[in-house]
Amino acid sequence: MGDVKNTIKKNVAKIYAEECSGEDSSVMYLDEKIYHKEEILDIVDQEIKFEKPSYFVFIDEQSGYNWGHRCRYYLFDASNGKLLKEIHGSFPPFFNKKTPETFKVFKTGLKNQKKI
């Protein structure tokens, strides 16, 4: 599974780098938990339903801004690391809670590199 997670990290960083502009204050997290078919991740303003075993990636696009702001969620096939879905959101999946131990920071934007 390590190869799949490394593939996901590289792909997310590449996808996001191609799309983001200006000063980058993002923080990228990979949830190392595998979400199973029909499992639901309840986020403040939406629910994400998994259609197959998947890894979840959260990008806080404006880290440090507090409350609701731009973020992205990516779902990747747990067996091969292929992108299944990109969802735009406004809240972290752990809003008002401690960051779960399964969420691992794997990349930070230039503005955050000294903070983390």
C-alpha atoms as a PDB file:
ATOM      1  CA  MET A   1       0.000   0.000   0.000  1.00  0.00           C
ATOM      2  CA  GLY A   2       2.959   2.350   0.480  1.00  0.00           C
ATOM      3  CA  ASP A   3       3.422   2.643  -3.282  1.00  0.00           C
ATOM      4  CA  VAL A   4      -0.237   3.614  -3.742  1.00  0.00           C
ATOM      5  CA  LYS A   5       0.023   6.302  -1.059  1.00  0.00           C
ATOM      6  CA  ASN A   6       3.228   7.693  -2.591  1.00  0.00           C
ATOM      7  CA  THR A   7       1.569   7.761  -6.025  1.00  0.00           C
ATOM      8  CA  ILE A   8      -1.386   9.638  -4.563  1.00  0.00           C
ATOM      9  CA  LYS A   9       0.852  12.220  -2.872  1.00  0.00           C
ATOM     10  CA  LYS A  10       2.775  12.892  -6.086  1.00  0.00           C
ATOM     11  CA  ASN A  11      -0.407  13.151  -8.158  1.00  0.00           C
ATOM     12  CA  VAL A  12      -2.121  15.523  -5.741  1.00  0.00           C
ATOM     13  CA  ALA A  13       0.904  17.806  -5.538  1.00  0.00           C
ATOM     14  CA  LYS A  14       1.094  17.890  -9.340  1.00  0.00           C
ATOM     15  CA  ILE A  15      -2.641  18.493  -9.867  1.00  0.00           C
ATOM     16  CA  TYR A  16      -2.747  21.237  -7.270  1.00  0.00           C
ATOM     17  CA  ALA A  17       0.441  22.946  -8.495  1.00  0.00           C
ATOM     18  CA  GLU A  18      -1.064  23.192 -11.976  1.00  0.00           C
ATOM     19  CA  GLU A  19      -4.255  24.782 -10.638  1.00  0.00           C
ATOM     20  CA  CYS A  20      -3.160  27.060  -7.800  1.00  0.00           C
ATOM     21  CA  SER A  21      -1.972  30.571  -8.429  1.00  0.00           C
ATOM     22  CA  GLY A  22      -0.397  33.342  -6.404  1.00  0.00           C
ATOM     23  CA  GLU A  23       0.946  32.826  -2.902  1.00  0.00           C
ATOM     24  CA  ASP A  24       0.432  29.283  -1.764  1.00  0.00           C
ATOM     25  CA  SER A  25      -0.566  28.851   1.878  1.00  0.00           C
ATOM     26  CA  SER A  26      -1.880  25.327   1.421  1.00  0.00           C
ATOM     27  CA  VAL A  27      -1.405  22.292   3.630  1.00  0.00           C
ATOM     28  CA  MET A  28      -1.976  18.840   2.133  1.00  0.00           C
ATOM     29  CA  TYR A  29      -3.116  15.884   4.219  1.00  0.00           C
ATOM     30  CA  LEU A  30      -3.481  12.230   3.297  1.00  0.00           C
ATOM     31  CA  ASP A  31      -5.866  10.283   5.478  1.00  0.00           C
ATOM     32  CA  GLU A  32      -4.082   6.941   5.740  1.00  0.00           C
ATOM     33  CA  LYS A  33      -7.347   5.236   6.612  1.00  0.00           C
ATOM     34  CA  ILE A  34      -9.026   3.372   3.751  1.00  0.00           C
ATOM     35  CA  TYR A  35     -12.673   4.375   3.435  1.00  0.00           C
ATOM     36  CA  HIS A  36     -14.929   1.527   2.346  1.00  0.00           C
ATOM     37  CA  LYS A  37     -17.842   1.401  -0.081  1.00  0.00           C
ATOM     38  CA  GLU A  38     -20.947   3.127   1.290  1.00  0.00           C
ATOM     39  CA  GLU A  39     -18.967   4.766   4.127  1.00  0.00           C
ATOM     40  CA  ILE A  40     -19.863   8.431   4.655  1.00  0.00           C
ATOM     41  CA  LEU A  41     -17.574  11.237   5.770  1.00  0.00           C
ATOM     42  CA  ASP A  42     -19.671  13.970   7.361  1.00  0.00           C
ATOM     43  CA  ILE A  43     -18.185  17.437   6.891  1.00  0.00           C
ATOM     44  CA  VAL A  44     -19.876  20.595   8.176  1.00  0.00           C
ATOM     45  CA  ASP A  45     -21.694  21.544   4.966  1.00  0.00           C
ATOM     46  CA  GLN A  46     -21.674  18.271   3.015  1.00  0.00           C
ATOM     47  CA  GLU A  47     -21.386  14.504   3.158  1.00  0.00           C
ATOM     48  CA  ILE A  48     -18.963  12.521   1.052  1.00  0.00           C
ATOM     49  CA  LYS A  49     -20.122   9.014   0.214  1.00  0.00           C
ATOM     50  CA  PHE A  50     -17.477   6.548  -0.899  1.00  0.00           C
ATOM     51  CA  GLU A  51     -18.343   4.320  -3.839  1.00  0.00           C
ATOM     52  CA  LYS A  52     -15.380   1.955  -3.498  1.00  0.00           C
ATOM     53  CA  PRO A  53     -12.383   1.496  -1.177  1.00  0.00           C
ATOM     54  CA  SER A  54     -10.678   4.885  -1.279  1.00  0.00           C
ATOM     55  CA  TYR A  55      -8.070   7.139   0.221  1.00  0.00           C
ATOM     56  CA  PHE A  56      -9.105  10.676   1.127  1.00  0.00           C
ATOM     57  CA  VAL A  57      -6.893  13.734   0.615  1.00  0.00           C
ATOM     58  CA  PHE A  58      -7.688  17.100   2.167  1.00  0.00           C
ATOM     59  CA  ILE A  59      -6.049  20.318   0.969  1.00  0.00           C
ATOM     60  CA  ASP A  60      -6.484  23.327   3.197  1.00  0.00           C
ATOM     61  CA  GLU A  61      -5.944  25.989   0.548  1.00  0.00           C
ATOM     62  CA  GLN A  62      -5.841  28.907   2.993  1.00  0.00           C
ATOM     63  CA  SER A  63      -4.275  27.439   6.086  1.00  0.00           C
ATOM     64  CA  GLY A  64      -4.415  29.750   9.072  1.00  0.00           C
ATOM     65  CA  TYR A  65      -7.438  31.726   7.815  1.00  0.00           C
ATOM     66  CA  ASN A  66      -9.778  30.134  10.412  1.00  0.00           C
ATOM     67  CA  TRP A  67     -13.422  29.214   9.896  1.00  0.00           C
ATOM     68  CA  GLY A  68     -14.744  28.507   6.416  1.00  0.00           C
ATOM     69  CA  HIS A  69     -12.474  29.073   3.440  1.00  0.00           C
ATOM     70  CA  ARG A  70     -11.363  27.369   0.220  1.00  0.00           C
ATOM     71  CA  CYS A  71     -10.334  23.753   0.481  1.00  0.00           C
ATOM     72  CA  ARG A  72     -10.426  20.629  -1.661  1.00  0.00           C
ATOM     73  CA  TYR A  73     -11.092  16.984  -1.105  1.00  0.00           C
ATOM     74  CA  TYR A  74      -9.763  14.272  -3.403  1.00  0.00           C
ATOM     75  CA  LEU A  75     -10.859  10.644  -3.456  1.00  0.00           C
ATOM     76  CA  PHE A  76      -8.423   8.062  -4.808  1.00  0.00           C
ATOM     77  CA  ASP A  77      -8.906   4.381  -5.579  1.00  0.00           C
ATOM     78  CA  ALA A  78      -7.195   2.495  -2.739  1.00  0.00           C
ATOM     79  CA  SER A  79      -6.079  -0.325  -5.044  1.00  0.00           C
ATOM     80  CA  ASN A  80      -4.253   1.686  -7.709  1.00  0.00           C
ATOM     81  CA  GLY A  81      -4.111   5.348  -6.642  1.00  0.00           C
ATOM     82  CA  LYS A  82      -6.195   6.687  -9.535  1.00  0.00           C
ATOM     83  CA  LEU A  83      -8.129   9.878  -8.955  1.00  0.00           C
ATOM     84  CA  LEU A  84     -11.842   9.157  -8.544  1.00  0.00           C
ATOM     85  CA  LYS A  85     -13.219  12.565  -7.624  1.00  0.00           C
ATOM     86  CA  GLU A  86     -12.286  16.144  -6.746  1.00  0.00           C
ATOM     87  CA  ILE A  87     -14.668  18.097  -4.521  1.00  0.00           C
ATOM     88  CA  HIS A  88     -14.422  21.766  -3.581  1.00  0.00           C
ATOM     89  CA  GLY A  89     -15.357  22.631  -0.025  1.00  0.00           C
ATOM     90  CA  SER A  90     -15.146  25.190   2.748  1.00  0.00           C
ATOM     91  CA  PHE A  91     -14.312  23.232   5.905  1.00  0.00           C
ATOM     92  CA  PRO A  92     -11.766  20.686   7.078  1.00  0.00           C
ATOM     93  CA  PRO A  93     -13.142  17.195   7.692  1.00  0.00           C
ATOM     94  CA  PHE A  94     -12.068  17.565  11.314  1.00  0.00           C
ATOM     95  CA  PHE A  95     -13.664  20.996  11.908  1.00  0.00           C
ATOM     96  CA  ASN A  96     -13.795  21.846  15.645  1.00  0.00           C
ATOM     97  CA  LYS A  97     -12.080  18.550  16.487  1.00  0.00           C
ATOM     98  CA  LYS A  98      -8.522  17.445  16.992  1.00  0.00           C
ATOM     99  CA  THR A  99      -6.884  16.380  13.725  1.00  0.00           C
ATOM    100  CA  PRO A 100      -7.275  12.583  13.560  1.00  0.00           C
ATOM    101  CA  GLU A 101      -4.042  10.599  13.884  1.00  0.00           C
ATOM    102  CA  THR A 102      -4.662   9.041  10.453  1.00  0.00           C
ATOM    103  CA  PHE A 103      -4.360  12.474   8.768  1.00  0.00           C
ATOM    104  CA  LYS A 104      -0.721  13.027   7.816  1.00  0.00           C
ATOM    105  CA  VAL A 105       0.652  16.267   6.384  1.00  0.00           C
ATOM    106  CA  PHE A 106       2.654  15.462   3.264  1.00  0.00           C
ATOM    107  CA  LYS A 107       3.176  18.863   1.649  1.00  0.00           C
ATOM    108  CA  THR A 108       2.945  22.512   2.605  1.00  0.00           C
ATOM    109  CA  GLY A 109       2.818  25.632   0.486  1.00  0.00           C
ATOM    110  CA  LEU A 110       5.664  28.099   0.474  1.00  0.00           C
ATOM    111  CA  LYS A 111       4.041  30.383   3.055  1.00  0.00           C
ATOM    112  CA  ASN A 112       3.692  27.508   5.561  1.00  0.00           C
ATOM    113  CA  GLN A 113       7.007  25.729   5.228  1.00  0.00           C
ATOM    114  CA  LYS A 114       8.414  27.284   8.400  1.00  0.00           C
ATOM    115  CA  LYS A 115       5.195  26.869  10.411  1.00  0.00           C
ATOM    116  CA  ILE A 116       4.848  23.079  10.151  1.00  0.00           C
END
